[in-house]
PDB file of all heavy atoms in Angstrom:
ATOM      1  N   LYS A   1     105.897 119.977  97.890  1.00  0.00           N
ATOM      2  CA  LYS A   1     106.353 118.625  98.171  1.00  0.00           C
ATOM      3  C   LYS A   1     107.271 118.588  99.369  1.00  0.00           C
ATOM      4  O   LYS A   1     107.243 117.651 100.195  1.00  0.00           O
ATOM      5  CB  LYS A   1     107.060 118.047  96.934  1.00  0.00           C
ATOM      6  CG  LYS A   1     107.472 116.580  97.097  1.00  0.00           C
ATOM      7  CD  LYS A   1     108.107 116.042  95.837  1.00  0.00           C
ATOM      8  CE  LYS A   1     108.409 114.553  95.911  1.00  0.00           C
ATOM      9  NZ  LYS A   1     109.360 114.243  97.012  1.00  0.00           N
ATOM     10  N   GLU A   2     108.152 119.578  99.487  1.00  0.00           N
ATOM     11  CA  GLU A   2     109.106 119.626 100.634  1.00  0.00           C
ATOM     12  C   GLU A   2     108.339 119.596 101.951  1.00  0.00           C
ATOM     13  O   GLU A   2     108.760 118.908 102.894  1.00  0.00           O
ATOM     14  CB  GLU A   2     109.926 120.915 100.543  1.00  0.00           C
ATOM     15  CG  GLU A   2     110.822 121.086 101.766  1.00  0.00           C
ATOM     16  CD  GLU A   2     111.354 122.526 101.910  1.00  0.00           C
ATOM     17  OE1 GLU A   2     111.087 123.346 101.015  1.00  0.00           O
ATOM     18  OE2 GLU A   2     112.011 122.795 102.940  1.00  0.00           O
ATOM     19  N   VAL A   3     107.215 120.293 101.984  1.00  0.00           N
ATOM     20  CA  VAL A   3     106.427 120.359 103.244  1.00  0.00           C
ATOM     21  C   VAL A   3     105.686 119.040 103.466  1.00  0.00           C
ATOM     22  O   VAL A   3     105.644 118.542 104.567  1.00  0.00           O
ATOM     23  CB  VAL A   3     105.472 121.549 103.214  1.00  0.00           C
ATOM     24  CG1 VAL A   3     104.614 121.580 104.460  1.00  0.00           C
ATOM     25  CG2 VAL A   3     106.229 122.864 103.076  1.00  0.00           C
ATOM     26  N   ARG A   4     105.102 118.489 102.396  1.00  0.00           N
ATOM     27  CA  ARG A   4     104.414 117.201 102.538  1.00  0.00           C
ATOM     28  C   ARG A   4     105.386 116.123 102.974  1.00  0.00           C
ATOM     29  O   ARG A   4     105.053 115.241 103.807  1.00  0.00           O
ATOM     30  CB  ARG A   4     103.733 116.791 101.227  1.00  0.00           C
ATOM     31  CG  ARG A   4     102.516 117.636 100.863  1.00  0.00           C
ATOM     32  CD  ARG A   4     101.596 116.890  99.908  1.00  0.00           C
ATOM     33  NE  ARG A   4     102.301 116.322  98.747  1.00  0.00           N
ATOM     34  CZ  ARG A   4     102.514 116.950  97.623  1.00  0.00           C
ATOM     35  NH1 ARG A   4     102.102 118.219  97.494  1.00  0.00           N
ATOM     36  NH2 ARG A   4     103.149 116.375  96.613  1.00  0.00           N
ATOM     37  N   ASP A   5     106.569 116.146 102.442  1.00  0.00           N
ATOM     38  CA  ASP A   5     107.585 115.144 102.803  1.00  0.00           C
ATOM     39  C   ASP A   5     108.194 115.404 104.194  1.00  0.00           C
ATOM     40  O   ASP A   5     108.848 114.533 104.760  1.00  0.00           O
ATOM     41  CB  ASP A   5     108.755 115.166 101.781  1.00  0.00           C
ATOM     42  CG  ASP A   5     108.302 114.636 100.403  1.00  0.00           C
ATOM     43  OD1 ASP A   5     107.215 114.033 100.337  1.00  0.00           O
ATOM     44  OD2 ASP A   5     109.040 114.849  99.436  1.00  0.00           O
ATOM     45  N   GLY A   6     107.901 116.567 104.732  1.00  0.00           N
ATOM     46  CA  GLY A   6     108.462 116.933 106.038  1.00  0.00           C
ATOM     47  C   GLY A   6     107.998 116.020 107.148  1.00  0.00           C
ATOM     48  O   GLY A   6     108.732 115.777 108.090  1.00  0.00           O
ATOM     49  N   ALA A   7     106.793 115.473 107.021  1.00  0.00           N
ATOM     50  CA  ALA A   7     106.273 114.575 108.042  1.00  0.00           C
ATOM     51  C   ALA A   7     107.160 113.350 108.168  1.00  0.00           C
ATOM     52  O   ALA A   7     107.598 112.963 109.268  1.00  0.00           O
ATOM     53  CB  ALA A   7     104.843 114.164 107.737  1.00  0.00           C
ATOM     54  N   SER A   8     107.480 112.716 107.041  1.00  0.00           N
ATOM     55  CA  SER A   8     108.342 111.544 107.058  1.00  0.00           C
ATOM     56  C   SER A   8     109.748 111.910 107.519  1.00  0.00           C
ATOM     57  O   SER A   8     110.384 111.156 108.260  1.00  0.00           O
ATOM     58  CB  SER A   8     108.421 110.912 105.665  1.00  0.00           C
ATOM     59  OG  SER A   8     107.157 110.413 105.268  1.00  0.00           O
ATOM     60  N   GLU A   9     110.234 113.061 107.099  1.00  0.00           N
ATOM     61  CA  GLU A   9     111.561 113.512 107.493  1.00  0.00           C
ATOM     62  C   GLU A   9     111.623 113.704 109.010  1.00  0.00           C
ATOM     63  O   GLU A   9     112.601 113.311 109.674  1.00  0.00           O
ATOM     64  CB  GLU A   9     111.919 114.789 106.778  1.00  0.00           C
ATOM     65  CG  GLU A   9     113.335 115.261 107.010  1.00  0.00           C
ATOM     66  CD  GLU A   9     113.667 116.565 106.266  1.00  0.00           C
ATOM     67  OE1 GLU A   9     112.845 116.995 105.461  1.00  0.00           O
ATOM     68  OE2 GLU A   9     114.747 117.143 106.539  1.00  0.00           O
ATOM     69  N   LEU A  10     110.608 114.348 109.569  1.00  0.00           N
ATOM     70  CA  LEU A  10     110.560 114.597 111.013  1.00  0.00           C
ATOM     71  C   LEU A  10     110.538 113.272 111.790  1.00  0.00           C
ATOM     72  O   LEU A  10     111.271 113.083 112.769  1.00  0.00           O
ATOM     73  CB  LEU A  10     109.387 115.447 111.380  1.00  0.00           C
ATOM     74  CG  LEU A  10     109.164 115.732 112.880  1.00  0.00           C
ATOM     75  CD1 LEU A  10     110.373 116.490 113.453  1.00  0.00           C
ATOM     76  CD2 LEU A  10     107.893 116.508 113.107  1.00  0.00           C
ATOM     77  N   MET A  11     109.705 112.327 111.344  1.00  0.00           N
ATOM     78  CA  MET A  11     109.591 111.062 112.035  1.00  0.00           C
ATOM     79  C   MET A  11     110.852 110.262 111.928  1.00  0.00           C
ATOM     80  O   MET A  11     111.314 109.629 112.908  1.00  0.00           O
ATOM     81  CB  MET A  11     108.394 110.281 111.504  1.00  0.00           C
ATOM     82  CG  MET A  11     107.051 110.995 111.653  1.00  0.00           C
ATOM     83  SD  MET A  11     106.737 111.626 113.281  1.00  0.00           S
ATOM     84  CE  MET A  11     106.667 110.145 114.238  1.00  0.00           C
ATOM     85  N   ASN A  12     111.471 110.246 110.755  1.00  0.00           N
ATOM     86  CA  ASN A  12     112.704 109.444 110.585  1.00  0.00           C
ATOM     87  C   ASN A  12     113.871 110.044 111.368  1.00  0.00           C
ATOM     88  O   ASN A  12     114.665 109.305 111.949  1.00  0.00           O
ATOM     89  CB  ASN A  12     113.040 109.341 109.102  1.00  0.00           C
ATOM     90  CG  ASN A  12     112.113 108.429 108.340  1.00  0.00           C
ATOM     91  OD1 ASN A  12     111.524 107.506 108.894  1.00  0.00           O
ATOM     92  ND2 ASN A  12     111.913 108.692 107.052  1.00  0.00           N
ATOM     93  N   HIS A  13     113.975 111.357 111.337  1.00  0.00           N
ATOM     94  CA  HIS A  13     115.062 111.992 112.089  1.00  0.00           C
ATOM     95  C   HIS A  13     114.873 111.804 113.580  1.00  0.00           C
ATOM     96  O   HIS A  13     115.838 111.537 114.314  1.00  0.00           O
ATOM     97  CB  HIS A  13     115.133 113.477 111.741  1.00  0.00           C
ATOM     98  CG  HIS A  13     116.299 114.189 112.391  1.00  0.00           C
ATOM     99  ND1 HIS A  13     117.560 113.705 112.333  1.00  0.00           N
ATOM    100  CD2 HIS A  13     116.344 115.326 113.109  1.00  0.00           C
ATOM    101  CE1 HIS A  13     118.402 114.530 112.992  1.00  0.00           C
ATOM    102  NE2 HIS A  13     117.656 115.528 113.469  1.00  0.00           N
ATOM    103  N   SER A  14     113.638 111.904 114.045  1.00  0.00           N
ATOM    104  CA  SER A  14     113.345 111.680 115.454  1.00  0.00           C
ATOM    105  C   SER A  14     113.689 110.224 115.854  1.00  0.00           C
ATOM    106  O   SER A  14     114.221 109.984 116.933  1.00  0.00           O
ATOM    107  CB  SER A  14     111.861 111.988 115.743  1.00  0.00           C
ATOM    108  OG  SER A  14     111.560 113.320 115.497  1.00  0.00           O
ATOM    109  N   ARG A  15     113.349 109.322 114.979  1.00  0.00           N
ATOM    110  CA  ARG A  15     113.645 107.912 115.243  1.00  0.00           C
ATOM    111  C   ARG A  15     115.152 107.679 115.375  1.00  0.00           C
ATOM    112  O   ARG A  15     115.637 106.925 116.235  1.00  0.00           O
ATOM    113  CB  ARG A  15     113.108 107.047 114.097  1.00  0.00           C
ATOM    114  CG  ARG A  15     113.265 105.546 114.275  1.00  0.00           C
ATOM    115  CD  ARG A  15     112.786 104.766 113.064  1.00  0.00           C
ATOM    116  NE  ARG A  15     112.702 103.338 113.345  1.00  0.00           N
ATOM    117  CZ  ARG A  15     113.731 102.473 113.299  1.00  0.00           C
ATOM    118  NH1 ARG A  15     114.933 102.973 112.950  1.00  0.00           N
ATOM    119  NH2 ARG A  15     113.565 101.232 113.571  1.00  0.00           N
ATOM    120  N   TYR A  16     115.897 108.353 114.522  1.00  0.00           N
ATOM    121  CA  TYR A  16     117.367 108.241 114.551  1.00  0.00           C
ATOM    122  C   TYR A  16     117.919 108.741 115.904  1.00  0.00           C
ATOM    123  O   TYR A  16     118.866 108.177 116.430  1.00  0.00           O
ATOM    124  CB  TYR A  16     117.956 109.032 113.406  1.00  0.00           C
ATOM    125  CG  TYR A  16     119.422 109.253 113.465  1.00  0.00           C
ATOM    126  CD1 TYR A  16     120.333 108.237 113.144  1.00  0.00           C
ATOM    127  CD2 TYR A  16     119.969 110.495 113.865  1.00  0.00           C
ATOM    128  CE1 TYR A  16     121.702 108.444 113.217  1.00  0.00           C
ATOM    129  CE2 TYR A  16     121.323 110.705 113.927  1.00  0.00           C
ATOM    130  CZ  TYR A  16     122.200 109.686 113.618  1.00  0.00           C
ATOM    131  OH  TYR A  16     123.545 109.877 113.703  1.00  0.00           O
ATOM    132  N   ILE A  17     117.289 109.777 116.430  1.00  0.00           N
ATOM    133  CA  ILE A  17     117.760 110.353 117.690  1.00  0.00           C
ATOM    134  C   ILE A  17     117.480 109.427 118.875  1.00  0.00           C
ATOM    135  O   ILE A  17     118.281 109.347 119.811  1.00  0.00           O
ATOM    136  CB  ILE A  17     117.054 111.732 117.923  1.00  0.00           C
ATOM    137  CG1 ILE A  17     117.576 112.753 116.907  1.00  0.00           C
ATOM    138  CG2 ILE A  17     117.246 112.211 119.354  1.00  0.00           C
ATOM    139  CD1 ILE A  17     116.815 114.046 116.919  1.00  0.00           C
ATOM    140  N   LEU A  18     116.367 108.726 118.846  1.00  0.00           N
ATOM    141  CA  LEU A  18     115.963 107.909 120.002  1.00  0.00           C
ATOM    142  C   LEU A  18     116.910 106.724 120.211  1.00  0.00           C
ATOM    143  O   LEU A  18     117.465 106.198 119.239  1.00  0.00           O
ATOM    144  CB  LEU A  18     114.536 107.392 119.752  1.00  0.00           C
ATOM    145  CG  LEU A  18     113.423 108.430 119.813  1.00  0.00           C
ATOM    146  CD1 LEU A  18     112.101 107.807 119.333  1.00  0.00           C
ATOM    147  CD2 LEU A  18     113.252 108.974 121.201  1.00  0.00           C
ATOM    148  N   PRO A  19     117.039 106.288 121.462  1.00  0.00           N
ATOM    149  CA  PRO A  19     117.792 105.051 121.725  1.00  0.00           C
ATOM    150  C   PRO A  19     117.152 103.853 121.033  1.00  0.00           C
ATOM    151  O   PRO A  19     115.915 103.823 120.801  1.00  0.00           O
ATOM    152  CB  PRO A  19     117.702 104.925 123.233  1.00  0.00           C
ATOM    153  CG  PRO A  19     117.343 106.286 123.775  1.00  0.00           C
ATOM    154  CD  PRO A  19     116.561 106.963 122.682  1.00  0.00           C
ATOM    155  N   ASP A  20     117.952 102.860 120.747  1.00  0.00           N
ATOM    156  CA  ASP A  20     117.477 101.673 120.035  1.00  0.00           C
ATOM    157  C   ASP A  20     116.267 101.041 120.740  1.00  0.00           C
ATOM    158  O   ASP A  20     115.319 100.577 120.066  1.00  0.00           O
ATOM    159  CB  ASP A  20     118.578 100.635 119.882  1.00  0.00           C
ATOM    160  CG  ASP A  20     119.638 101.062 118.909  1.00  0.00           C
ATOM    161  OD1 ASP A  20     119.424 102.031 118.147  1.00  0.00           O
ATOM    162  OD2 ASP A  20     120.732 100.421 118.883  1.00  0.00           O
ATOM    163  N   ALA A  21     116.295 101.005 122.047  1.00  0.00           N
ATOM    164  CA  ALA A  21     115.239 100.319 122.807  1.00  0.00           C
ATOM    165  C   ALA A  21     113.856 100.955 122.622  1.00  0.00           C
ATOM    166  O   ALA A  21     112.830 100.310 122.876  1.00  0.00           O
ATOM    167  CB  ALA A  21     115.584 100.289 124.299  1.00  0.00           C
ATOM    168  N   LEU A  22     113.818 102.204 122.198  1.00  0.00           N
ATOM    169  CA  LEU A  22     112.580 102.932 122.083  1.00  0.00           C
ATOM    170  C   LEU A  22     112.032 102.970 120.652  1.00  0.00           C
ATOM    171  O   LEU A  22     110.910 103.442 120.415  1.00  0.00           O
ATOM    172  CB  LEU A  22     112.745 104.387 122.575  1.00  0.00           C
ATOM    173  CG  LEU A  22     113.253 104.519 124.012  1.00  0.00           C
ATOM    174  CD1 LEU A  22     113.482 106.010 124.323  1.00  0.00           C
ATOM    175  CD2 LEU A  22     112.280 103.937 125.005  1.00  0.00           C
ATOM    176  N   ARG A  23     112.797 102.474 119.700  1.00  0.00           N
ATOM    177  CA  ARG A  23     112.417 102.661 118.296  1.00  0.00           C
ATOM    178  C   ARG A  23     111.232 101.797 117.853  1.00  0.00           C
ATOM    179  O   ARG A  23     110.433 102.209 117.008  1.00  0.00           O
ATOM    180  CB  ARG A  23     113.622 102.403 117.404  1.00  0.00           C
ATOM    181  CG  ARG A  23     114.664 103.485 117.525  1.00  0.00           C
ATOM    182  CD  ARG A  23     115.925 103.224 116.692  1.00  0.00           C
ATOM    183  NE  ARG A  23     116.888 104.302 116.827  1.00  0.00           N
ATOM    184  CZ  ARG A  23     118.108 104.291 116.330  1.00  0.00           C
ATOM    185  NH1 ARG A  23     118.506 103.205 115.612  1.00  0.00           N
ATOM    186  NH2 ARG A  23     118.938 105.308 116.502  1.00  0.00           N
ATOM    187  N   ASP A  24     111.075 100.617 118.446  1.00  0.00           N
ATOM    188  CA  ASP A  24     109.969  99.767 118.035  1.00  0.00           C
ATOM    189  C   ASP A  24     108.661 100.425 118.412  1.00  0.00           C
ATOM    190  O   ASP A  24     107.714 100.470 117.598  1.00  0.00           O
ATOM    191  CB  ASP A  24     110.084  98.391 118.739  1.00  0.00           C
ATOM    192  CG  ASP A  24     109.039  97.409 118.223  1.00  0.00           C
ATOM    193  OD1 ASP A  24     108.999  97.142 117.011  1.00  0.00           O
ATOM    194  OD2 ASP A  24     108.245  96.908 119.031  1.00  0.00           O
ATOM    195  N   ALA A  25     108.553 100.925 119.653  1.00  0.00           N
ATOM    196  CA  ALA A  25     107.323 101.610 120.052  1.00  0.00           C
ATOM    197  C   ALA A  25     107.113 102.881 119.240  1.00  0.00           C
ATOM    198  O   ALA A  25     105.980 103.231 118.865  1.00  0.00           O
ATOM    199  CB  ALA A  25     107.413 101.957 121.554  1.00  0.00           C
ATOM    200  N   TRP A  26     108.210 103.590 118.913  1.00  0.00           N
ATOM    201  CA  TRP A  26     108.087 104.821 118.093  1.00  0.00           C
ATOM    202  C   TRP A  26     107.512 104.488 116.712  1.00  0.00           C
ATOM    203  O   TRP A  26     106.616 105.185 116.220  1.00  0.00           O
ATOM    204  CB  TRP A  26     109.463 105.460 117.927  1.00  0.00           C
ATOM    205  CG  TRP A  26     109.473 106.687 117.088  1.00  0.00           C
ATOM    206  CD1 TRP A  26     109.821 106.766 115.765  1.00  0.00           C
ATOM    207  CD2 TRP A  26     109.090 108.014 117.466  1.00  0.00           C
ATOM    208  NE1 TRP A  26     109.691 108.060 115.308  1.00  0.00           N
ATOM    209  CE2 TRP A  26     109.244 108.830 116.338  1.00  0.00           C
ATOM    210  CE3 TRP A  26     108.624 108.557 118.666  1.00  0.00           C
ATOM    211  CZ2 TRP A  26     108.958 110.203 116.395  1.00  0.00           C
ATOM    212  CZ3 TRP A  26     108.338 109.924 118.677  1.00  0.00           C
ATOM    213  CH2 TRP A  26     108.508 110.724 117.561  1.00  0.00           C
ATOM    214  N   ASP A  27     108.029 103.418 116.099  1.00  0.00           N
ATOM    215  CA  ASP A  27     107.516 103.050 114.780  1.00  0.00           C
ATOM    216  C   ASP A  27     106.003 102.746 114.806  1.00  0.00           C
ATOM    217  O   ASP A  27     105.291 103.065 113.856  1.00  0.00           O
ATOM    218  CB  ASP A  27     108.262 101.820 114.263  1.00  0.00           C
ATOM    219  CG  ASP A  27     109.690 102.151 113.815  1.00  0.00           C
ATOM    220  OD1 ASP A  27     109.983 103.304 113.515  1.00  0.00           O
ATOM    221  OD2 ASP A  27     110.516 101.200 113.806  1.00  0.00           O
ATOM    222  N   MET A  28     105.541 102.128 115.899  1.00  0.00           N
ATOM    223  CA  MET A  28     104.142 101.809 115.985  1.00  0.00           C
ATOM    224  C   MET A  28     103.296 103.016 116.391  1.00  0.00           C
ATOM    225  O   MET A  28     102.088 103.066 116.095  1.00  0.00           O
ATOM    226  CB  MET A  28     103.911 100.667 116.981  1.00  0.00           C
ATOM    227  CG  MET A  28     104.470  99.338 116.503  1.00  0.00           C
ATOM    228  SD  MET A  28     103.771  98.812 114.906  1.00  0.00           S
ATOM    229  CE  MET A  28     102.035  98.618 115.349  1.00  0.00           C
ATOM    230  N   ALA A  29     103.922 104.009 117.031  1.00  0.00           N
ATOM    231  CA  ALA A  29     103.173 105.202 117.476  1.00  0.00           C
ATOM    232  C   ALA A  29     103.023 106.236 116.351  1.00  0.00           C
ATOM    233  O   ALA A  29     102.074 107.003 116.390  1.00  0.00           O
ATOM    234  CB  ALA A  29     103.865 105.838 118.687  1.00  0.00           C
ATOM    235  N   GLN A  30     103.955 106.226 115.426  1.00  0.00           N
ATOM    236  CA  GLN A  30     103.868 107.246 114.348  1.00  0.00           C
ATOM    237  C   GLN A  30     102.724 106.882 113.385  1.00  0.00           C
ATOM    238  O   GLN A  30     102.372 105.734 113.230  1.00  0.00           O
ATOM    239  CB  GLN A  30     105.215 107.327 113.607  1.00  0.00           C
ATOM    240  CG  GLN A  30     105.698 106.036 112.963  1.00  0.00           C
ATOM    241  CD  GLN A  30     105.141 105.767 111.584  1.00  0.00           C
ATOM    242  OE1 GLN A  30     104.700 106.679 110.876  1.00  0.00           O
ATOM    243  NE2 GLN A  30     105.085 104.482 111.187  1.00  0.00           N
ATOM    244  N   LYS A  31     102.127 107.881 112.757  1.00  0.00           N
ATOM    245  CA  LYS A  31     101.022 107.648 111.829  1.00  0.00           C
ATOM    246  C   LYS A  31     101.308 108.143 110.435  1.00  0.00           C
ATOM    247  O   LYS A  31     100.392 108.298 109.623  1.00  0.00           O
ATOM    248  CB  LYS A  31      99.751 108.290 112.392  1.00  0.00           C
ATOM    249  CG  LYS A  31      99.849 109.779 112.589  1.00  0.00           C
ATOM    250  CD  LYS A  31      98.625 110.328 113.354  1.00  0.00           C
ATOM    251  CE  LYS A  31      97.361 110.244 112.581  1.00  0.00           C
ATOM    252  NZ  LYS A  31      96.236 110.944 113.274  1.00  0.00           N
ATOM    253  N   VAL A  32     102.593 108.351 110.128  1.00  0.00           N
ATOM    254  CA  VAL A  32     102.982 108.873 108.827  1.00  0.00           C
ATOM    255  C   VAL A  32     103.241 107.743 107.840  1.00  0.00           C
ATOM    256  O   VAL A  32     102.834 107.817 106.667  1.00  0.00           O
ATOM    257  CB  VAL A  32     104.209 109.801 108.966  1.00  0.00           C
ATOM    258  CG1 VAL A  32     104.691 110.243 107.577  1.00  0.00           C
ATOM    259  CG2 VAL A  32     103.902 110.971 109.838  1.00  0.00           C
ATOM    260  N   ASP A  33     103.888 106.680 108.286  1.00  0.00           N
ATOM    261  CA  ASP A  33     104.246 105.584 107.423  1.00  0.00           C
ATOM    262  C   ASP A  33     103.474 104.339 107.827  1.00  0.00           C
ATOM    263  O   ASP A  33     103.948 103.540 108.652  1.00  0.00           O
ATOM    264  CB  ASP A  33     105.764 105.330 107.507  1.00  0.00           C
ATOM    265  CG  ASP A  33     106.276 104.336 106.482  1.00  0.00           C
ATOM    266  OD1 ASP A  33     105.437 103.628 105.869  1.00  0.00           O
ATOM    267  OD2 ASP A  33     107.499 104.252 106.307  1.00  0.00           O
ATOM    268  N   ILE A  34     102.297 104.169 107.256  1.00  0.00           N
ATOM    269  CA  ILE A  34     101.439 103.036 107.622  1.00  0.00           C
ATOM    270  C   ILE A  34     102.061 101.707 107.198  1.00  0.00           C
ATOM    271  O   ILE A  34     101.958 100.709 107.895  1.00  0.00           O
ATOM    272  CB  ILE A  34     100.029 103.187 106.980  1.00  0.00           C
ATOM    273  CG1 ILE A  34      99.425 104.542 107.379  1.00  0.00           C
ATOM    274  CG2 ILE A  34      99.123 102.038 107.394  1.00  0.00           C
ATOM    275  CD1 ILE A  34      99.304 104.737 108.858  1.00  0.00           C
ATOM    276  N   GLU A  35     102.704 101.691 106.029  1.00  0.00           N
ATOM    277  CA  GLU A  35     103.330 100.448 105.573  1.00  0.00           C
ATOM    278  C   GLU A  35     104.378  99.926 106.515  1.00  0.00           C
ATOM    279  O   GLU A  35     104.495  98.712 106.721  1.00  0.00           O
ATOM    280  CB  GLU A  35     103.905 100.656 104.160  1.00  0.00           C
ATOM    281  CG  GLU A  35     102.853 100.862 103.069  1.00  0.00           C
ATOM    282  CD  GLU A  35     101.862  99.715 103.002  1.00  0.00           C
ATOM    283  OE1 GLU A  35     102.291  98.549 103.058  1.00  0.00           O
ATOM    284  OE2 GLU A  35     100.663  99.994 102.894  1.00  0.00           O
ATOM    285  N   ARG A  36     105.127 100.848 107.114  1.00  0.00           N
ATOM    286  CA  ARG A  36     106.148 100.397 108.068  1.00  0.00           C
ATOM    287  C   ARG A  36     105.460  99.709 109.250  1.00  0.00           C
ATOM    288  O   ARG A  36     105.932  98.667 109.744  1.00  0.00           O
ATOM    289  CB  ARG A  36     106.979 101.599 108.572  1.00  0.00           C
ATOM    290  CG  ARG A  36     107.964 101.223 109.666  1.00  0.00           C
ATOM    291  CD  ARG A  36     108.701 102.423 110.229  1.00  0.00           C
ATOM    292  NE  ARG A  36     109.665 102.940 109.303  1.00  0.00           N
ATOM    293  CZ  ARG A  36     110.437 103.997 109.557  1.00  0.00           C
ATOM    294  NH1 ARG A  36     110.370 104.614 110.721  1.00  0.00           N
ATOM    295  NH2 ARG A  36     111.313 104.414 108.667  1.00  0.00           N
TER     296      ARG A  36
END
């Protein structure tokens, strides 16, 4: 489970690192959280 959950963890942590102006495009570019 830790490894399966790693995808969401990586995407969320990367999103946190990015400047605010880039987060909307990042959310749409990621393919881990379809509901988002």
